[in-house]
Amino acid sequence: MTDLNHYVNVVFDTDMNVTKITRLDQESGNLVTIPENEWNYYASGVLYNLLYYASVIHATIHILHFLMTSGII
C-alpha cells in the first residue's frame, strides 16, 4: 500500500454522485484529474483500498477482542 498509485481521491456532490477523481502523480507529486472515461478503473482502485483498510481494522478488532477475553479468564 506504499505505492503512489494507491493515492486516489474521489469527490462527491451532496447527492453522492461522483464529480471528480484525482490521483497523485508519481513523478511530480501533484494531483492529476482523471478523465471521466477512466473513472471505472480508478473507482475499482478506491474500492480495493477501502476493502483493504476495512479488513485491517476488522482483524485488529478481533485481536483486541481475543486479548480482552483472554484477560477475563
Protein backbone atom coordinates (compact mmCIF):
# COMPACT_ATOMS: atom_id res chain seq x y z
CA MET A 1 0.00 0.00 0.00
CA THR A 2 3.01 2.33 -0.16
CA ASP A 3 2.82 2.58 -3.96
CA LEU A 4 1.75 6.06 -5.06
CA ASN A 5 -0.83 4.54 -7.43
CA HIS A 6 -2.98 3.84 -4.38
CA TYR A 7 -3.40 7.57 -3.63
CA VAL A 8 -6.73 8.13 -5.37
CA ASN A 9 -9.27 10.71 -4.17
CA VAL A 10 -12.95 10.79 -5.10
CA VAL A 11 -15.07 13.94 -4.73
CA PHE A 12 -18.85 13.60 -4.35
CA ASP A 13 -21.65 16.16 -4.52
CA THR A 14 -24.50 16.35 -1.99
CA ASP A 15 -26.42 13.61 -3.84
CA MET A 16 -23.40 11.25 -3.61
CA ASN A 17 -22.67 11.47 -7.33
CA VAL A 18 -19.02 11.37 -8.31
CA THR A 19 -17.92 14.79 -9.53
CA LYS A 20 -14.14 14.33 -9.74
CA ILE A 21 -11.47 11.66 -9.28
CA THR A 22 -7.84 12.63 -8.77
CA ARG A 23 -4.68 10.64 -8.24
CA LEU A 24 -1.17 11.51 -7.11
CA ASP A 25 1.35 11.71 -9.94
CA GLN A 26 4.45 9.60 -9.22
CA GLU A 27 6.98 11.90 -10.87
CA SER A 28 5.81 15.37 -9.84
CA GLY A 29 3.84 14.60 -6.68
CA ASN A 30 0.93 16.74 -7.95
CA LEU A 31 -2.72 15.73 -8.14
CA VAL A 32 -3.86 14.72 -11.62
CA THR A 33 -7.56 14.87 -12.55
CA ILE A 34 -8.75 11.63 -14.13
CA PRO A 35 -10.90 11.91 -17.30
CA GLU A 36 -14.45 10.64 -16.90
CA ASN A 37 -13.96 7.72 -19.31
CA GLU A 38 -11.37 6.21 -16.89
CA TRP A 39 -13.44 6.60 -13.71
CA ASN A 40 -14.42 2.92 -13.53
CA TYR A 41 -10.79 1.82 -13.39
CA TYR A 42 -9.86 4.23 -10.61
CA ALA A 43 -13.13 3.67 -8.72
CA SER A 44 -12.26 -0.02 -8.52
CA GLY A 45 -8.90 1.01 -7.04
CA VAL A 46 -10.69 3.09 -4.41
CA LEU A 47 -12.93 0.13 -3.55
CA TYR A 48 -9.86 -2.09 -3.21
CA ASN A 49 -8.27 0.43 -0.83
CA LEU A 50 -11.45 0.62 1.26
CA LEU A 51 -11.68 -3.17 1.44
CA TYR A 52 -8.03 -3.44 2.45
CA TYR A 53 -8.29 -0.87 5.24
CA ALA A 54 -11.60 -2.30 6.47
CA SER A 55 -10.02 -5.77 6.63
CA VAL A 56 -7.05 -4.44 8.59
CA ILE A 57 -9.32 -2.69 11.10
CA HIS A 58 -11.55 -5.75 11.35
CA ALA A 59 -8.59 -8.01 12.08
CA THR A 60 -7.32 -5.60 14.73
CA ILE A 61 -10.71 -5.66 16.46
CA HIS A 62 -10.58 -9.48 16.53
CA ILE A 63 -7.10 -9.38 18.09
CA LEU A 64 -8.16 -6.86 20.72
CA HIS A 65 -11.28 -8.92 21.46
CA PHE A 66 -9.14 -12.02 21.92
CA LEU A 67 -6.79 -10.16 24.28
CA MET A 68 -9.69 -8.78 26.33
CA THR A 69 -11.46 -12.15 26.64
CA SER A 70 -8.24 -13.99 27.49
CA GLY A 71 -7.66 -11.47 30.29
CA ILE A 72 -11.07 -12.29 31.78
CA ILE A 73 -10.33 -16.00 32.17
